[in-house]
Amino acid sequence: MLRLKLPNGVTTSEQTRFLAIVIKRKDGCADVTTRQNWQIRGGFGLTSLQSEMDNVRNPVGNPLAGIDPLEIVDTRPYTNLLSHYITANSRGNPAFTNLPRKWNVGVVGSHDLYEHPHINDLAYVPAVKDDRFGAIPLDAWVPADDVIPVCGAIVETFRDLGSRGNRQKTRMMWLIDERD
């Protein structure tokens, strides 16, 4: 199985056609996941960087980003920046590869909450006041310029302090509850 890392789930029509051709040629199949990734199954012999195991998963954003007439913020620049930060510009980032458990981040773009912020370990929700993002579940307010460093600090905290025992209790929400 190959899981692509696609910030905000964005693929061009050319990329989508290419994937369809490759999948068909190998009698494979593909799923579009709730994390806005493609999971491709079949004998391809391909790999993907930091997309499985206990890593930061694909940053999700509004699937209608840039065309949603009711969007509050275009999530694509933020999900791209988060993905580049997490993977060290697609070179691989060892600092984020040995987490206690998978870790999910999302950037909300509209009131429709397509990104399911309540199931992410960290979700940035846009606020009209002062051009800041609300960081769920921390009840914190973050300027847009601080989205990346705040995310990094939170992932590093999870990496260093998160439980590596019971996987059912190894998520960011449990670490927050422990420290309250």
C-alpha atoms as a PDB file:
ATOM      1  CA  MET A   1       0.000   0.000   0.000  1.00  0.00           C
ATOM      2  CA  LEU A   2       1.246   3.461  -0.879  1.00  0.00           C
ATOM      3  CA  ARG A   3      -0.149   6.424   0.989  1.00  0.00           C
ATOM      4  CA  LEU A   4       0.574   9.709  -0.730  1.00  0.00           C
ATOM      5  CA  LYS A   5       1.107  12.844   1.317  1.00  0.00           C
ATOM      6  CA  LEU A   6      -1.076  15.540  -0.245  1.00  0.00           C
ATOM      7  CA  PRO A   7      -1.448  18.706   1.831  1.00  0.00           C
ATOM      8  CA  ASN A   8      -5.118  19.724   1.816  1.00  0.00           C
ATOM      9  CA  GLY A   9      -5.783  16.718  -0.466  1.00  0.00           C
ATOM     10  CA  VAL A  10      -4.946  18.742  -3.556  1.00  0.00           C
ATOM     11  CA  THR A  11      -4.023  17.025  -6.821  1.00  0.00           C
ATOM     12  CA  THR A  12      -4.086  18.562 -10.247  1.00  0.00           C
ATOM     13  CA  SER A  13      -6.192  17.004 -12.988  1.00  0.00           C
ATOM     14  CA  GLU A  14      -2.942  15.914 -14.666  1.00  0.00           C
ATOM     15  CA  GLN A  15      -1.743  14.180 -11.479  1.00  0.00           C
ATOM     16  CA  THR A  16      -5.127  12.509 -11.001  1.00  0.00           C
ATOM     17  CA  ARG A  17      -5.152  11.219 -14.572  1.00  0.00           C
ATOM     18  CA  PHE A  18      -1.602   9.904 -14.144  1.00  0.00           C
ATOM     19  CA  LEU A  19      -2.560   8.087 -10.935  1.00  0.00           C
ATOM     20  CA  ALA A  20      -5.630   6.601 -12.645  1.00  0.00           C
ATOM     21  CA  ILE A  21      -3.493   5.303 -15.528  1.00  0.00           C
ATOM     22  CA  VAL A  22      -0.915   3.758 -13.194  1.00  0.00           C
ATOM     23  CA  ILE A  23      -3.571   2.178 -10.981  1.00  0.00           C
ATOM     24  CA  LYS A  24      -5.435   0.734 -13.968  1.00  0.00           C
ATOM     25  CA  ARG A  25      -2.239  -0.583 -15.542  1.00  0.00           C
ATOM     26  CA  LYS A  26      -1.383  -2.550 -12.389  1.00  0.00           C
ATOM     27  CA  ASP A  27      -4.970  -3.712 -11.674  1.00  0.00           C
ATOM     28  CA  GLY A  28      -4.726  -1.796  -8.437  1.00  0.00           C
ATOM     29  CA  CYS A  29      -7.247   0.283  -6.566  1.00  0.00           C
ATOM     30  CA  ALA A  30      -7.200   3.516  -4.619  1.00  0.00           C
ATOM     31  CA  ASP A  31      -9.056   5.077  -1.723  1.00  0.00           C
ATOM     32  CA  VAL A  32      -9.376   8.735  -0.860  1.00  0.00           C
ATOM     33  CA  THR A  33      -9.071   8.797   2.919  1.00  0.00           C
ATOM     34  CA  THR A  34     -10.547  11.018   5.602  1.00  0.00           C
ATOM     35  CA  ARG A  35      -7.053  12.562   5.886  1.00  0.00           C
ATOM     36  CA  GLN A  36      -7.387  13.715   2.247  1.00  0.00           C
ATOM     37  CA  ASN A  37      -4.753  11.227   1.058  1.00  0.00           C
ATOM     38  CA  TRP A  38      -4.766   8.681  -1.705  1.00  0.00           C
ATOM     39  CA  GLN A  39      -4.027   5.139  -0.576  1.00  0.00           C
ATOM     40  CA  ILE A  40      -2.997   3.079  -3.563  1.00  0.00           C
ATOM     41  CA  ARG A  41      -3.025  -0.684  -3.390  1.00  0.00           C
ATOM     42  CA  GLY A  42      -1.317  -2.974  -5.871  1.00  0.00           C
ATOM     43  CA  GLY A  43       2.166  -4.135  -6.848  1.00  0.00           C
ATOM     44  CA  PHE A  44       3.808  -0.780  -7.508  1.00  0.00           C
ATOM     45  CA  GLY A  45       7.063  -1.047  -5.554  1.00  0.00           C
ATOM     46  CA  LEU A  46       6.758   2.614  -4.508  1.00  0.00           C
ATOM     47  CA  THR A  47       7.256   4.263  -1.172  1.00  0.00           C
ATOM     48  CA  SER A  48       6.174   7.509   0.445  1.00  0.00           C
ATOM     49  CA  LEU A  49       7.862   9.726   2.977  1.00  0.00           C
ATOM     50  CA  GLN A  50       6.572   9.968   6.552  1.00  0.00           C
ATOM     51  CA  SER A  51       3.018   8.994   5.722  1.00  0.00           C
ATOM     52  CA  GLU A  52       2.552   5.887   7.846  1.00  0.00           C
ATOM     53  CA  MET A  53       3.391   4.477  11.252  1.00  0.00           C
ATOM     54  CA  ASP A  54       3.765   6.892  14.168  1.00  0.00           C
ATOM     55  CA  ASN A  55       4.346  10.132  12.290  1.00  0.00           C
ATOM     56  CA  VAL A  56       2.512  13.371  11.773  1.00  0.00           C
ATOM     57  CA  ARG A  57      -0.193  12.466   9.266  1.00  0.00           C
ATOM     58  CA  ASN A  58      -1.250  14.478   6.239  1.00  0.00           C
ATOM     59  CA  PRO A  59      -2.338  18.006   7.237  1.00  0.00           C
ATOM     60  CA  VAL A  60      -5.993  18.377   6.247  1.00  0.00           C
ATOM     61  CA  GLY A  61      -7.801  21.494   5.101  1.00  0.00           C
ATOM     62  CA  ASN A  62     -10.980  22.596   3.401  1.00  0.00           C
ATOM     63  CA  PRO A  63     -11.536  20.343   0.351  1.00  0.00           C
ATOM     64  CA  LEU A  64     -13.153  23.342  -1.365  1.00  0.00           C
ATOM     65  CA  ALA A  65     -10.266  25.684  -0.558  1.00  0.00           C
ATOM     66  CA  GLY A  66      -9.977  28.531  -2.998  1.00  0.00           C
ATOM     67  CA  ILE A  67     -13.426  27.963  -4.511  1.00  0.00           C
ATOM     68  CA  ASP A  68     -15.678  27.901  -1.433  1.00  0.00           C
ATOM     69  CA  PRO A  69     -17.682  31.148  -1.540  1.00  0.00           C
ATOM     70  CA  LEU A  70     -18.140  30.941   2.234  1.00  0.00           C
ATOM     71  CA  GLU A  71     -14.550  30.140   3.178  1.00  0.00           C
ATOM     72  CA  ILE A  72     -13.064  32.160   5.979  1.00  0.00           C
ATOM     73  CA  VAL A  73      -9.483  31.308   5.055  1.00  0.00           C
ATOM     74  CA  ASP A  74      -7.857  29.426   2.183  1.00  0.00           C
ATOM     75  CA  THR A  75      -6.295  26.465   3.970  1.00  0.00           C
ATOM     76  CA  ARG A  76      -3.912  25.427   1.175  1.00  0.00           C
ATOM     77  CA  PRO A  77      -1.006  27.730   2.099  1.00  0.00           C
ATOM     78  CA  TYR A  78      -1.149  26.547   5.717  1.00  0.00           C
ATOM     79  CA  THR A  79      -1.415  22.822   4.946  1.00  0.00           C
ATOM     80  CA  ASN A  80       1.451  23.157   2.437  1.00  0.00           C
ATOM     81  CA  LEU A  81       3.627  24.947   4.981  1.00  0.00           C
ATOM     82  CA  LEU A  82       2.780  22.372   7.657  1.00  0.00           C
ATOM     83  CA  SER A  83       3.616  19.481   5.331  1.00  0.00           C
ATOM     84  CA  HIS A  84       6.924  21.046   4.246  1.00  0.00           C
ATOM     85  CA  TYR A  85       7.824  21.719   7.876  1.00  0.00           C
ATOM     86  CA  ILE A  86       6.910  18.217   9.052  1.00  0.00           C
ATOM     87  CA  THR A  87       8.856  16.507   6.242  1.00  0.00           C
ATOM     88  CA  ALA A  88      11.744  19.018   6.077  1.00  0.00           C
ATOM     89  CA  ASN A  89      10.761  20.028   2.541  1.00  0.00           C
ATOM     90  CA  SER A  90      10.294  16.386   1.467  1.00  0.00           C
ATOM     91  CA  ARG A  91      13.784  15.362   2.608  1.00  0.00           C
ATOM     92  CA  GLY A  92      12.560  13.563   5.747  1.00  0.00           C
ATOM     93  CA  ASN A  93      12.483  14.964   9.254  1.00  0.00           C
ATOM     94  CA  PRO A  94      13.735  12.532  11.917  1.00  0.00           C
ATOM     95  CA  ALA A  95      12.465  14.850  14.661  1.00  0.00           C
ATOM     96  CA  PHE A  96       8.897  13.838  13.797  1.00  0.00           C
ATOM     97  CA  THR A  97       9.310  10.151  12.885  1.00  0.00           C
ATOM     98  CA  ASN A  98       9.274   8.449  16.269  1.00  0.00           C
ATOM     99  CA  LEU A  99       6.128   9.709  17.914  1.00  0.00           C
ATOM    100  CA  PRO A 100       4.278   7.711  20.577  1.00  0.00           C
ATOM    101  CA  ARG A 101       1.384   7.367  18.112  1.00  0.00           C
ATOM    102  CA  LYS A 102       0.170   8.938  14.860  1.00  0.00           C
ATOM    103  CA  TRP A 103      -0.548  12.650  15.169  1.00  0.00           C
ATOM    104  CA  ASN A 104      -3.133  14.592  13.142  1.00  0.00           C
ATOM    105  CA  VAL A 105      -3.255  18.294  12.351  1.00  0.00           C
ATOM    106  CA  GLY A 106      -5.844  20.264  10.413  1.00  0.00           C
ATOM    107  CA  VAL A 107      -6.614  23.802   9.347  1.00  0.00           C
ATOM    108  CA  VAL A 108     -10.293  24.718   9.194  1.00  0.00           C
ATOM    109  CA  GLY A 109     -11.358  26.945   6.327  1.00  0.00           C
ATOM    110  CA  SER A 110     -15.097  27.432   6.781  1.00  0.00           C
ATOM    111  CA  HIS A 111     -18.001  27.021   9.174  1.00  0.00           C
ATOM    112  CA  ASP A 112     -18.814  23.658   7.570  1.00  0.00           C
ATOM    113  CA  LEU A 113     -15.944  21.971   9.451  1.00  0.00           C
ATOM    114  CA  TYR A 114     -15.093  19.593   6.599  1.00  0.00           C
ATOM    115  CA  GLU A 115     -11.749  19.030   8.316  1.00  0.00           C
ATOM    116  CA  HIS A 116     -13.331  17.436  11.443  1.00  0.00           C
ATOM    117  CA  PRO A 117     -11.324  19.524  13.909  1.00  0.00           C
ATOM    118  CA  HIS A 118     -12.631  17.571  16.904  1.00  0.00           C
ATOM    119  CA  ILE A 119     -10.804  14.388  15.811  1.00  0.00           C
ATOM    120  CA  ASN A 120      -7.439  16.051  15.103  1.00  0.00           C
ATOM    121  CA  ASP A 121      -4.698  16.249  17.701  1.00  0.00           C
ATOM    122  CA  LEU A 122      -4.352  19.912  16.768  1.00  0.00           C
ATOM    123  CA  ALA A 123      -6.787  21.892  14.676  1.00  0.00           C
ATOM    124  CA  TYR A 124      -6.438  25.527  13.757  1.00  0.00           C
ATOM    125  CA  VAL A 125      -9.828  27.200  13.485  1.00  0.00           C
ATOM    126  CA  PRO A 126      -9.977  30.693  11.963  1.00  0.00           C
ATOM    127  CA  ALA A 127     -11.335  33.502  14.066  1.00  0.00           C
ATOM    128  CA  VAL A 128     -12.470  36.827  12.699  1.00  0.00           C
ATOM    129  CA  LYS A 129     -11.083  38.715  15.673  1.00  0.00           C
ATOM    130  CA  ASP A 130      -7.470  39.870  15.245  1.00  0.00           C
ATOM    131  CA  ASP A 131      -6.742  37.469  12.325  1.00  0.00           C
ATOM    132  CA  ARG A 132      -5.888  34.683  14.738  1.00  0.00           C
ATOM    133  CA  PHE A 133      -6.463  30.941  14.661  1.00  0.00           C
ATOM    134  CA  GLY A 134      -8.033  29.096  17.562  1.00  0.00           C
ATOM    135  CA  ALA A 135      -6.013  25.987  18.416  1.00  0.00           C
ATOM    136  CA  ILE A 136      -8.232  23.074  19.396  1.00  0.00           C
ATOM    137  CA  PRO A 137      -8.128  21.419  21.971  1.00  0.00           C
ATOM    138  CA  LEU A 138      -5.838  23.926  23.677  1.00  0.00           C
ATOM    139  CA  ASP A 139      -8.271  26.861  23.732  1.00  0.00           C
ATOM    140  CA  ALA A 140      -5.357  29.016  22.581  1.00  0.00           C
ATOM    141  CA  TRP A 141      -5.296  31.818  20.004  1.00  0.00           C
ATOM    142  CA  VAL A 142      -2.441  31.825  17.533  1.00  0.00           C
ATOM    143  CA  PRO A 143      -1.485  34.494  14.969  1.00  0.00           C
ATOM    144  CA  ALA A 144      -1.268  33.058  11.445  1.00  0.00           C
ATOM    145  CA  ASP A 145       2.511  33.622  11.388  1.00  0.00           C
ATOM    146  CA  ASP A 146       2.872  31.336  14.418  1.00  0.00           C
ATOM    147  CA  VAL A 147       0.954  28.322  13.056  1.00  0.00           C
ATOM    148  CA  ILE A 148       4.170  26.477  12.135  1.00  0.00           C
ATOM    149  CA  PRO A 149       6.253  27.122  15.279  1.00  0.00           C
ATOM    150  CA  VAL A 150       3.292  26.380  17.560  1.00  0.00           C
ATOM    151  CA  CYS A 151       2.615  23.130  15.717  1.00  0.00           C
ATOM    152  CA  GLY A 152       6.289  22.169  16.011  1.00  0.00           C
ATOM    153  CA  ALA A 153       6.379  22.874  19.736  1.00  0.00           C
ATOM    154  CA  ILE A 154       3.218  20.845  20.310  1.00  0.00           C
ATOM    155  CA  VAL A 155       4.438  17.867  18.257  1.00  0.00           C
ATOM    156  CA  GLU A 156       7.779  17.936  20.083  1.00  0.00           C
ATOM    157  CA  THR A 157       5.933  17.994  23.423  1.00  0.00           C
ATOM    158  CA  PHE A 158       3.856  15.002  22.337  1.00  0.00           C
ATOM    159  CA  ARG A 159       6.992  13.206  21.112  1.00  0.00           C
ATOM    160  CA  ASP A 160       8.861  13.802  24.369  1.00  0.00           C
ATOM    161  CA  LEU A 161       6.070  13.473  26.949  1.00  0.00           C
ATOM    162  CA  GLY A 162       3.412  11.306  25.299  1.00  0.00           C
ATOM    163  CA  SER A 163       2.815   7.845  26.717  1.00  0.00           C
ATOM    164  CA  ARG A 164       4.284   4.963  24.754  1.00  0.00           C
ATOM    165  CA  GLY A 165       2.268   2.361  26.615  1.00  0.00           C
ATOM    166  CA  ASN A 166      -1.424   1.717  26.013  1.00  0.00           C
ATOM    167  CA  ARG A 167      -2.050   2.815  22.401  1.00  0.00           C
ATOM    168  CA  GLN A 168      -5.696   3.527  23.228  1.00  0.00           C
ATOM    169  CA  LYS A 169      -4.493   6.244  25.615  1.00  0.00           C
ATOM    170  CA  THR A 170      -1.672   7.544  23.445  1.00  0.00           C
ATOM    171  CA  ARG A 171      -3.097  10.627  21.808  1.00  0.00           C
ATOM    172  CA  MET A 172      -2.638  14.352  22.369  1.00  0.00           C
ATOM    173  CA  MET A 173      -5.954  14.672  24.242  1.00  0.00           C
ATOM    174  CA  TRP A 174      -4.781  12.139  26.842  1.00  0.00           C
ATOM    175  CA  LEU A 175      -1.475  13.945  27.316  1.00  0.00           C
ATOM    176  CA  ILE A 176      -3.366  17.210  27.913  1.00  0.00           C
ATOM    177  CA  ASP A 177      -5.657  15.485  30.412  1.00  0.00           C
ATOM    178  CA  GLU A 178      -2.657  14.002  32.241  1.00  0.00           C
ATOM    179  CA  ARG A 179      -0.996  17.403  32.580  1.00  0.00           C
ATOM    180  CA  ASP A 180      -4.138  19.287  33.732  1.00  0.00           C
END
